[in-house]
């Protein structure tokens, strides 16, 4: 089995684990939190609070299911393309992991949209404020999208160089470089 094949299999296993973790946590949220008051873990800091989100992040663009599913499919396809094109070198392992986590989160939320017409959110951290308001309720998939995306932006900005992404170029080489 080639190194590239092993990496792709690892990506698929990680993807399945992320989707499972997201869907299982949402299943537990529905069973234990739906129709009940918030479950306060640390007063003013951390709560479990059931919410059905019909919009995007922070409830933006409500009732746009087809748009969100389309965007998720395009996003997942682009990630899949990049993962397949990424060289099987150790320096790209973190890119594989980060993109796979992001794709898994996108798939988890897309499953909710397709199955339920909304996304189950249940994690609430009232101590975190955004423009003076408590940070919105979110879920495990949102964490798998947001945190790896931030890390990826930092890595692309400060760790990798432009030449590290030449494998994504659509330019045709007209000659073979001599080394």
N, C-alpha and C. Protein backbone atom coordinates (compact mmCIF):
# COMPACT_ATOMS: atom_id res chain seq x y z
N UNK A 1 0.86 -1.17 0.00
CA UNK A 1 0.00 0.00 0.00
C UNK A 1 0.91 1.24 0.00
N UNK A 2 0.59 2.19 -0.85
CA UNK A 2 1.42 3.40 -0.96
C UNK A 2 1.19 4.32 0.23
N UNK A 3 2.15 5.19 0.45
CA UNK A 3 2.05 6.16 1.54
C UNK A 3 0.83 7.06 1.35
N UNK A 4 0.57 7.47 0.10
CA UNK A 4 -0.59 8.33 -0.21
C UNK A 4 -1.89 7.61 0.15
N UNK A 5 -1.98 6.33 -0.18
CA UNK A 5 -3.18 5.55 0.13
C UNK A 5 -3.39 5.46 1.64
N UNK A 6 -2.31 5.25 2.39
CA UNK A 6 -2.41 5.20 3.85
C UNK A 6 -2.90 6.53 4.41
N UNK A 7 -2.41 7.62 3.86
CA UNK A 7 -2.83 8.95 4.33
C UNK A 7 -4.31 9.17 4.04
N UNK A 8 -4.76 8.79 2.85
CA UNK A 8 -6.18 8.96 2.49
C UNK A 8 -7.06 8.09 3.39
N UNK A 9 -6.63 6.88 3.68
CA UNK A 9 -7.39 6.01 4.59
C UNK A 9 -7.46 6.63 5.98
N UNK A 10 -6.34 7.18 6.45
CA UNK A 10 -6.32 7.87 7.75
C UNK A 10 -7.28 9.06 7.74
N UNK A 11 -7.27 9.83 6.64
CA UNK A 11 -8.20 10.95 6.51
C UNK A 11 -9.65 10.48 6.62
N UNK A 12 -9.97 9.40 5.93
CA UNK A 12 -11.35 8.89 5.94
C UNK A 12 -11.76 8.39 7.33
N UNK A 13 -10.83 7.73 8.03
CA UNK A 13 -11.14 7.27 9.39
C UNK A 13 -11.36 8.46 10.31
N UNK A 14 -10.47 9.46 10.23
CA UNK A 14 -10.63 10.68 11.04
C UNK A 14 -11.95 11.37 10.71
N UNK A 15 -12.28 11.45 9.43
CA UNK A 15 -13.53 12.07 9.00
C UNK A 15 -14.73 11.35 9.63
N UNK A 16 -14.72 10.03 9.58
CA UNK A 16 -15.81 9.24 10.16
C UNK A 16 -15.91 9.46 11.67
N UNK A 17 -14.77 9.54 12.35
CA UNK A 17 -14.78 9.78 13.80
C UNK A 17 -15.34 11.16 14.15
N UNK A 18 -14.99 12.16 13.36
CA UNK A 18 -15.49 13.52 13.59
C UNK A 18 -17.00 13.57 13.40
N UNK A 19 -17.48 12.99 12.30
CA UNK A 19 -18.92 12.99 12.03
C UNK A 19 -19.65 12.22 13.12
N UNK A 20 -19.09 11.08 13.53
CA UNK A 20 -19.73 10.31 14.60
C UNK A 20 -19.79 11.11 15.90
N UNK A 21 -18.66 11.73 16.29
CA UNK A 21 -18.62 12.52 17.53
C UNK A 21 -19.66 13.64 17.49
N UNK A 22 -19.76 14.30 16.35
CA UNK A 22 -20.73 15.39 16.21
C UNK A 22 -22.15 14.87 16.31
N UNK A 23 -22.47 13.87 15.53
CA UNK A 23 -23.84 13.36 15.50
C UNK A 23 -24.25 12.73 16.83
N UNK A 24 -23.32 12.03 17.47
CA UNK A 24 -23.63 11.42 18.76
C UNK A 24 -23.85 12.49 19.83
N UNK A 25 -23.02 13.54 19.82
CA UNK A 25 -23.21 14.61 20.81
C UNK A 25 -24.56 15.31 20.59
N UNK A 26 -24.96 15.47 19.34
CA UNK A 26 -26.26 16.09 19.06
C UNK A 26 -27.41 15.17 19.48
N UNK A 27 -27.23 13.88 19.28
CA UNK A 27 -28.22 12.89 19.72
C UNK A 27 -28.41 12.99 21.24
N UNK A 28 -27.29 13.06 21.96
CA UNK A 28 -27.37 13.20 23.42
C UNK A 28 -28.02 14.52 23.82
N UNK A 29 -27.75 15.58 23.07
CA UNK A 29 -28.35 16.88 23.36
C UNK A 29 -29.86 16.82 23.19
N UNK A 30 -30.32 16.18 22.12
CA UNK A 30 -31.76 16.07 21.87
C UNK A 30 -32.42 15.27 23.00
N UNK A 31 -31.83 14.15 23.38
CA UNK A 31 -32.41 13.30 24.42
C UNK A 31 -32.42 13.99 25.79
N UNK A 32 -31.33 14.66 26.12
CA UNK A 32 -31.18 15.18 27.49
C UNK A 32 -31.53 16.66 27.67
N UNK A 33 -31.55 17.43 26.58
CA UNK A 33 -31.72 18.87 26.74
C UNK A 33 -32.98 19.45 26.09
N UNK A 34 -33.48 18.81 25.05
CA UNK A 34 -34.62 19.36 24.32
C UNK A 34 -35.84 19.50 25.24
N UNK A 35 -36.40 20.70 25.22
CA UNK A 35 -37.60 20.97 26.02
C UNK A 35 -37.32 21.18 27.50
N UNK A 36 -36.05 21.29 27.85
CA UNK A 36 -35.68 21.47 29.26
C UNK A 36 -34.88 22.76 29.41
N UNK A 37 -34.83 23.29 30.62
CA UNK A 37 -34.01 24.50 30.83
C UNK A 37 -32.52 24.16 30.67
N UNK A 38 -31.73 25.21 30.51
CA UNK A 38 -30.28 25.03 30.37
C UNK A 38 -29.73 24.24 31.55
N UNK A 39 -28.73 23.43 31.26
CA UNK A 39 -28.02 22.70 32.29
C UNK A 39 -26.73 23.46 32.58
N UNK A 40 -26.71 24.14 33.72
CA UNK A 40 -25.57 24.98 34.08
C UNK A 40 -24.47 24.11 34.67
N UNK A 41 -23.30 24.17 34.05
CA UNK A 41 -22.15 23.42 34.54
C UNK A 41 -21.30 24.32 35.43
N UNK A 42 -20.99 25.52 34.96
CA UNK A 42 -20.30 26.52 35.76
C UNK A 42 -21.07 27.83 35.57
N UNK A 43 -21.68 28.29 36.63
CA UNK A 43 -22.54 29.48 36.57
C UNK A 43 -21.84 30.64 35.87
N UNK A 44 -22.49 31.18 34.82
CA UNK A 44 -21.98 32.33 34.08
C UNK A 44 -20.81 32.02 33.16
N UNK A 45 -20.40 30.75 33.10
CA UNK A 45 -19.24 30.39 32.29
C UNK A 45 -19.58 29.34 31.23
N UNK A 46 -20.24 28.26 31.63
CA UNK A 46 -20.47 27.15 30.70
C UNK A 46 -21.81 26.48 30.98
N UNK A 47 -22.62 26.36 29.92
CA UNK A 47 -23.94 25.73 30.03
C UNK A 47 -24.19 24.84 28.82
N UNK A 48 -25.08 23.89 29.01
CA UNK A 48 -25.61 23.11 27.90
C UNK A 48 -27.03 23.59 27.69
N UNK A 49 -27.30 24.11 26.51
CA UNK A 49 -28.56 24.80 26.23
C UNK A 49 -29.02 24.39 24.83
N UNK A 50 -30.13 23.69 24.75
CA UNK A 50 -30.63 23.19 23.46
C UNK A 50 -31.18 24.31 22.59
N UNK A 51 -30.78 24.29 21.30
CA UNK A 51 -31.24 25.29 20.35
C UNK A 51 -31.32 24.65 18.96
N UNK A 52 -32.36 24.97 18.23
CA UNK A 52 -32.50 24.52 16.84
C UNK A 52 -32.19 25.71 15.95
N UNK A 53 -31.05 25.68 15.29
CA UNK A 53 -30.57 26.80 14.48
C UNK A 53 -30.98 26.61 13.02
N UNK A 54 -31.86 27.48 12.53
CA UNK A 54 -32.31 27.38 11.14
C UNK A 54 -31.47 28.25 10.21
N UNK A 55 -30.44 28.89 10.79
CA UNK A 55 -29.56 29.75 9.99
C UNK A 55 -28.16 29.21 9.94
N UNK A 56 -27.24 30.09 9.60
CA UNK A 56 -25.82 29.72 9.56
C UNK A 56 -25.21 30.07 10.91
N UNK A 57 -23.92 30.30 10.93
CA UNK A 57 -23.24 30.69 12.16
C UNK A 57 -23.93 31.92 12.74
N UNK A 58 -24.14 31.91 14.04
CA UNK A 58 -24.77 33.00 14.76
C UNK A 58 -26.22 33.23 14.32
N UNK A 59 -26.84 32.24 13.66
CA UNK A 59 -28.23 32.37 13.22
C UNK A 59 -28.42 33.24 12.00
N UNK A 60 -27.33 33.57 11.31
CA UNK A 60 -27.43 34.42 10.11
C UNK A 60 -28.13 33.68 8.98
N UNK A 61 -28.78 34.41 8.11
CA UNK A 61 -29.47 33.88 6.92
C UNK A 61 -30.41 32.72 7.26
N UNK A 62 -31.42 32.96 8.07
CA UNK A 62 -32.34 31.87 8.43
C UNK A 62 -33.10 31.33 7.22
N UNK A 63 -33.46 30.06 7.31
CA UNK A 63 -34.28 29.36 6.31
C UNK A 63 -33.66 29.33 4.92
N UNK A 64 -32.36 29.14 4.85
CA UNK A 64 -31.66 29.04 3.56
C UNK A 64 -31.04 27.66 3.41
N UNK A 65 -31.80 26.62 3.70
CA UNK A 65 -31.30 25.24 3.72
C UNK A 65 -30.61 24.85 2.42
N UNK A 66 -31.22 25.09 1.28
CA UNK A 66 -30.65 24.68 0.00
C UNK A 66 -29.32 25.39 -0.24
N UNK A 67 -29.27 26.67 0.06
CA UNK A 67 -28.04 27.44 -0.08
C UNK A 67 -26.93 26.85 0.79
N UNK A 68 -27.23 26.56 2.07
CA UNK A 68 -26.22 26.04 2.99
C UNK A 68 -25.75 24.66 2.57
N UNK A 69 -26.65 23.82 2.12
CA UNK A 69 -26.27 22.47 1.66
C UNK A 69 -25.39 22.58 0.42
N UNK A 70 -25.76 23.45 -0.51
CA UNK A 70 -24.95 23.66 -1.72
C UNK A 70 -23.54 24.13 -1.36
N UNK A 71 -23.46 25.14 -0.49
CA UNK A 71 -22.16 25.67 -0.07
C UNK A 71 -21.34 24.57 0.62
N UNK A 72 -21.97 23.77 1.47
CA UNK A 72 -21.26 22.69 2.16
C UNK A 72 -20.72 21.67 1.16
N UNK A 73 -21.51 21.32 0.17
CA UNK A 73 -21.07 20.34 -0.84
C UNK A 73 -19.88 20.89 -1.62
N UNK A 74 -19.95 22.15 -2.02
CA UNK A 74 -18.83 22.76 -2.75
C UNK A 74 -17.59 22.79 -1.86
N UNK A 75 -17.77 23.21 -0.63
CA UNK A 75 -16.66 23.30 0.33
C UNK A 75 -16.01 21.93 0.54
N UNK A 76 -16.82 20.91 0.75
CA UNK A 76 -16.32 19.55 0.97
C UNK A 76 -15.62 19.03 -0.28
N UNK A 77 -16.16 19.33 -1.45
CA UNK A 77 -15.52 18.91 -2.70
C UNK A 77 -14.15 19.57 -2.87
N UNK A 78 -14.06 20.85 -2.56
CA UNK A 78 -12.77 21.57 -2.65
C UNK A 78 -11.77 20.96 -1.67
N UNK A 79 -12.22 20.70 -0.45
CA UNK A 79 -11.33 20.08 0.54
C UNK A 79 -10.87 18.71 0.05
N UNK A 80 -11.79 17.92 -0.50
CA UNK A 80 -11.43 16.61 -1.04
C UNK A 80 -10.40 16.72 -2.14
N UNK A 81 -10.59 17.68 -3.03
CA UNK A 81 -9.63 17.91 -4.12
C UNK A 81 -8.25 18.25 -3.56
N UNK A 82 -8.21 19.17 -2.60
CA UNK A 82 -6.93 19.57 -2.01
C UNK A 82 -6.27 18.38 -1.31
N UNK A 83 -7.05 17.60 -0.57
CA UNK A 83 -6.49 16.44 0.12
C UNK A 83 -5.91 15.43 -0.86
N UNK A 84 -6.59 15.22 -1.97
CA UNK A 84 -6.08 14.26 -2.96
C UNK A 84 -4.82 14.78 -3.65
N UNK A 85 -4.72 16.08 -3.83
CA UNK A 85 -3.56 16.68 -4.50
C UNK A 85 -2.37 16.89 -3.55
N UNK A 86 -2.62 16.93 -2.25
CA UNK A 86 -1.56 17.21 -1.29
C UNK A 86 -0.54 16.08 -1.29
N UNK A 87 0.74 16.43 -1.42
CA UNK A 87 1.79 15.40 -1.44
C UNK A 87 1.82 14.58 -0.14
N UNK A 88 2.31 13.37 -0.26
CA UNK A 88 2.41 12.45 0.88
C UNK A 88 3.72 12.68 1.62
N UNK A 89 3.98 13.91 1.97
CA UNK A 89 5.18 14.26 2.72
C UNK A 89 4.78 14.66 4.13
N UNK A 90 5.67 14.39 5.07
CA UNK A 90 5.39 14.65 6.48
C UNK A 90 5.00 16.11 6.75
N UNK A 91 5.60 17.05 6.04
CA UNK A 91 5.32 18.47 6.31
C UNK A 91 3.87 18.85 5.99
N UNK A 92 3.15 17.98 5.27
CA UNK A 92 1.75 18.26 4.92
C UNK A 92 0.76 17.51 5.81
N UNK A 93 1.24 16.72 6.77
CA UNK A 93 0.33 15.96 7.64
C UNK A 93 -0.65 16.86 8.37
N UNK A 94 -0.18 17.99 8.88
CA UNK A 94 -1.08 18.88 9.62
C UNK A 94 -2.18 19.43 8.71
N UNK A 95 -1.85 19.67 7.47
CA UNK A 95 -2.87 20.15 6.52
C UNK A 95 -3.93 19.07 6.33
N UNK A 96 -3.50 17.83 6.20
CA UNK A 96 -4.46 16.72 6.07
C UNK A 96 -5.39 16.67 7.29
N UNK A 97 -4.81 16.73 8.48
CA UNK A 97 -5.64 16.63 9.68
C UNK A 97 -6.60 17.81 9.80
N UNK A 98 -6.10 19.01 9.58
CA UNK A 98 -6.94 20.20 9.73
C UNK A 98 -8.07 20.22 8.71
N UNK A 99 -7.76 19.94 7.45
CA UNK A 99 -8.81 19.93 6.42
C UNK A 99 -9.82 18.83 6.66
N UNK A 100 -9.36 17.69 7.15
CA UNK A 100 -10.28 16.59 7.44
C UNK A 100 -11.21 16.95 8.59
N UNK A 101 -10.69 17.62 9.62
CA UNK A 101 -11.55 18.06 10.72
C UNK A 101 -12.60 19.06 10.23
N UNK A 102 -12.18 19.99 9.39
CA UNK A 102 -13.10 20.99 8.84
C UNK A 102 -14.19 20.31 8.01
N UNK A 103 -13.79 19.38 7.15
CA UNK A 103 -14.76 18.66 6.32
C UNK A 103 -15.72 17.86 7.19
N UNK A 104 -15.21 17.22 8.23
CA UNK A 104 -16.08 16.45 9.12
C UNK A 104 -17.11 17.32 9.80
N UNK A 105 -16.70 18.50 10.25
CA UNK A 105 -17.65 19.43 10.85
C UNK A 105 -18.70 19.89 9.86
N UNK A 106 -18.27 20.18 8.64
CA UNK A 106 -19.22 20.61 7.60
C UNK A 106 -20.22 19.50 7.29
N UNK A 107 -19.73 18.27 7.23
CA UNK A 107 -20.63 17.13 6.96
C UNK A 107 -21.60 16.95 8.12
N UNK A 108 -21.12 17.07 9.35
CA UNK A 108 -22.00 16.92 10.52
C UNK A 108 -23.15 17.91 10.50
N UNK A 109 -22.86 19.18 10.23
CA UNK A 109 -23.94 20.18 10.17
C UNK A 109 -24.82 19.97 8.94
N UNK A 110 -24.24 19.52 7.82
CA UNK A 110 -25.03 19.27 6.62
C UNK A 110 -26.01 18.12 6.86
N UNK A 111 -25.59 17.10 7.58
CA UNK A 111 -26.50 15.99 7.92
C UNK A 111 -27.71 16.52 8.66
N UNK A 112 -27.49 17.39 9.65
CA UNK A 112 -28.61 17.98 10.38
C UNK A 112 -29.55 18.75 9.45
N UNK A 113 -28.98 19.57 8.59
CA UNK A 113 -29.81 20.37 7.68
C UNK A 113 -30.66 19.48 6.76
N UNK A 114 -30.04 18.43 6.24
CA UNK A 114 -30.77 17.53 5.35
C UNK A 114 -31.82 16.71 6.10
N UNK A 115 -31.48 16.26 7.28
CA UNK A 115 -32.37 15.40 8.05
C UNK A 115 -33.44 16.16 8.81
N UNK A 116 -33.08 17.32 9.37
CA UNK A 116 -33.98 18.01 10.30
C UNK A 116 -34.44 19.39 9.85
N UNK A 117 -33.80 19.94 8.82
CA UNK A 117 -34.04 21.32 8.36
C UNK A 117 -33.50 22.36 9.32
N UNK A 118 -32.72 21.95 10.30
CA UNK A 118 -32.05 22.86 11.23
C UNK A 118 -30.81 22.14 11.78
N UNK A 119 -29.96 22.91 12.46
CA UNK A 119 -28.77 22.34 13.08
C UNK A 119 -28.97 22.37 14.59
N UNK A 120 -28.69 21.27 15.25
CA UNK A 120 -28.80 21.18 16.70
C UNK A 120 -27.56 21.84 17.31
N UNK A 121 -27.79 22.88 18.12
CA UNK A 121 -26.72 23.55 18.86
C UNK A 121 -27.01 23.36 20.34
N UNK A 122 -25.96 23.28 21.16
CA UNK A 122 -26.20 23.02 22.58
C UNK A 122 -25.10 23.49 23.51
N UNK A 123 -24.01 24.02 23.00
CA UNK A 123 -22.92 24.47 23.86
C UNK A 123 -23.01 25.99 23.99
N UNK A 124 -23.07 26.45 25.22
CA UNK A 124 -23.22 27.89 25.47
C UNK A 124 -22.16 28.33 26.49
N UNK A 125 -21.40 29.34 26.11
CA UNK A 125 -20.34 29.87 26.96
C UNK A 125 -20.64 31.37 27.18
N UNK A 126 -21.52 31.68 28.13
CA UNK A 126 -21.96 33.07 28.30
C UNK A 126 -20.86 34.04 28.71
N UNK A 127 -19.77 33.54 29.24
CA UNK A 127 -18.68 34.43 29.65
C UNK A 127 -18.00 35.06 28.43
N UNK A 128 -18.04 34.37 27.29
CA UNK A 128 -17.46 34.90 26.06
C UNK A 128 -18.48 35.83 25.42
N UNK A 129 -18.05 37.06 25.13
CA UNK A 129 -18.95 38.06 24.57
C UNK A 129 -18.46 38.49 23.22
N UNK A 130 -19.40 38.78 22.34
CA UNK A 130 -19.10 39.24 21.00
C UNK A 130 -19.92 40.50 20.77
N UNK A 131 -19.26 41.63 20.62
CA UNK A 131 -19.93 42.92 20.47
C UNK A 131 -20.91 43.18 21.60
N UNK A 132 -20.50 42.81 22.82
CA UNK A 132 -21.31 43.06 24.00
C UNK A 132 -22.38 42.03 24.27
N UNK A 133 -22.59 41.10 23.34
CA UNK A 133 -23.61 40.07 23.49
C UNK A 133 -22.96 38.74 23.81
N UNK A 134 -23.68 37.86 24.53
CA UNK A 134 -23.11 36.53 24.78
C UNK A 134 -22.83 35.81 23.45
N UNK A 135 -21.74 35.05 23.42
CA UNK A 135 -21.39 34.30 22.22
C UNK A 135 -22.52 33.31 21.92
N UNK A 136 -22.86 33.14 20.65
CA UNK A 136 -23.98 32.25 20.30
C UNK A 136 -23.77 30.79 20.72
N UNK A 137 -24.87 30.09 20.86
CA UNK A 137 -24.85 28.66 21.16
C UNK A 137 -24.29 27.95 19.93
N UNK A 138 -23.45 26.94 20.15
CA UNK A 138 -22.83 26.23 19.03
C UNK A 138 -22.79 24.74 19.32
N UNK A 139 -22.13 23.97 18.46
CA UNK A 139 -22.08 22.52 18.62
C UNK A 139 -20.67 21.99 18.34
N UNK A 140 -20.51 20.70 18.41
CA UNK A 140 -19.21 20.06 18.20
C UNK A 140 -18.72 20.28 16.77
N UNK A 141 -19.61 20.17 15.79
CA UNK A 141 -19.22 20.39 14.39
C UNK A 141 -18.67 21.80 14.20
N UNK A 142 -19.29 22.77 14.83
CA UNK A 142 -18.81 24.15 14.73
C UNK A 142 -17.38 24.27 15.26
N UNK A 143 -17.08 23.54 16.33
CA UNK A 143 -15.71 23.56 16.87
C UNK A 143 -14.74 22.91 15.89
N UNK A 144 -15.18 21.82 15.24
CA UNK A 144 -14.33 21.14 14.26
C UNK A 144 -14.12 21.99 13.00
N UNK A 145 -14.98 22.93 12.76
CA UNK A 145 -14.81 23.84 11.63
C UNK A 145 -13.96 25.05 12.03
N UNK A 146 -14.31 25.67 13.14
CA UNK A 146 -13.71 26.95 13.53
C UNK A 146 -12.26 26.84 13.99
N UNK A 147 -11.99 25.97 14.94
CA UNK A 147 -10.64 25.89 15.51
C UNK A 147 -9.62 25.46 14.45
N UNK A 148 -9.85 24.37 13.70
CA UNK A 148 -8.88 24.01 12.66
C UNK A 148 -8.74 25.08 11.58
N UNK A 149 -9.83 25.80 11.27
CA UNK A 149 -9.74 26.87 10.27
C UNK A 149 -8.79 27.97 10.74
N UNK A 150 -8.91 28.35 12.01
CA UNK A 150 -8.01 29.36 12.56
C UNK A 150 -6.56 28.88 12.55
N UNK A 151 -6.35 27.65 12.95
CA UNK A 151 -4.99 27.09 12.94
C UNK A 151 -4.44 27.05 11.51
N UNK A 152 -5.28 26.66 10.56
CA UNK A 152 -4.86 26.58 9.17
C UNK A 152 -4.46 27.95 8.63
N UNK A 153 -5.25 28.97 8.94
CA UNK A 153 -4.91 30.33 8.51
C UNK A 153 -3.57 30.76 9.09
N UNK A 154 -3.36 30.48 10.36
CA UNK A 154 -2.08 30.84 10.99
C UNK A 154 -0.93 30.09 10.33
N UNK A 155 -1.12 28.80 10.09
CA UNK A 155 -0.04 28.01 9.47
C UNK A 155 0.27 28.48 8.06
N UNK A 156 -0.75 28.76 7.28
CA UNK A 156 -0.53 29.23 5.91
C UNK A 156 0.14 30.60 5.93
N UNK A 157 -0.22 31.41 6.92
CA UNK A 157 0.35 32.75 7.01
C UNK A 157 1.80 32.77 7.50
N UNK A 158 2.12 31.88 8.44
CA UNK A 158 3.42 31.99 9.11
C UNK A 158 4.35 30.79 8.98
N UNK A 159 3.82 29.62 8.62
CA UNK A 159 4.66 28.42 8.58
C UNK A 159 5.01 28.03 7.16
N UNK A 160 4.00 27.92 6.32
CA UNK A 160 4.22 27.49 4.95
C UNK A 160 4.60 28.67 4.06
N UNK A 161 5.30 28.36 3.00
CA UNK A 161 5.69 29.36 1.99
C UNK A 161 4.85 29.11 0.73
N UNK A 162 4.81 30.10 -0.15
CA UNK A 162 4.04 29.97 -1.39
C UNK A 162 4.44 28.72 -2.17
N UNK A 163 5.72 28.41 -2.20
CA UNK A 163 6.20 27.26 -2.98
C UNK A 163 5.69 25.94 -2.41
N UNK A 164 5.30 25.94 -1.14
CA UNK A 164 4.77 24.72 -0.53
C UNK A 164 3.41 24.33 -1.10
N UNK A 165 2.77 25.26 -1.82
CA UNK A 165 1.45 24.98 -2.37
C UNK A 165 1.44 24.94 -3.90
N UNK A 166 2.61 24.78 -4.49
CA UNK A 166 2.69 24.66 -5.94
C UNK A 166 1.93 23.45 -6.47
N UNK A 167 1.75 22.44 -5.64
CA UNK A 167 1.02 21.24 -6.05
C UNK A 167 -0.44 21.56 -6.39
N UNK A 168 -0.95 22.69 -5.96
CA UNK A 168 -2.33 23.09 -6.27
C UNK A 168 -2.42 23.94 -7.54
N UNK A 169 -1.30 24.24 -8.15
CA UNK A 169 -1.29 25.09 -9.34
C UNK A 169 -1.91 24.36 -10.53
N UNK A 170 -2.63 25.11 -11.34
CA UNK A 170 -3.22 24.56 -12.55
C UNK A 170 -2.33 24.82 -13.76
N UNK A 171 -1.19 25.45 -13.52
CA UNK A 171 -0.26 25.76 -14.61
C UNK A 171 0.37 24.47 -15.12
N UNK A 172 0.49 24.37 -16.42
CA UNK A 172 1.15 23.23 -17.02
C UNK A 172 2.63 23.54 -17.16
N UNK A 173 3.48 22.66 -16.77
CA UNK A 173 4.91 22.86 -16.98
C UNK A 173 5.25 22.50 -18.40
N UNK A 174 5.98 23.37 -19.05
CA UNK A 174 6.34 23.15 -20.46
C UNK A 174 7.67 22.42 -20.58
N UNK A 175 8.41 22.40 -19.50
CA UNK A 175 9.70 21.72 -19.53
C UNK A 175 9.98 21.15 -18.15
N UNK A 176 10.87 20.22 -18.11
CA UNK A 176 11.24 19.60 -16.85
C UNK A 176 12.47 20.33 -16.31
N UNK A 177 12.38 20.72 -15.06
CA UNK A 177 13.50 21.42 -14.45
C UNK A 177 14.62 20.44 -14.16
N UNK A 178 15.83 20.86 -14.42
CA UNK A 178 16.99 20.04 -14.12
C UNK A 178 17.49 20.37 -12.73
N UNK A 179 17.91 19.39 -12.00
CA UNK A 179 18.39 19.62 -10.63
C UNK A 179 19.83 19.23 -10.53
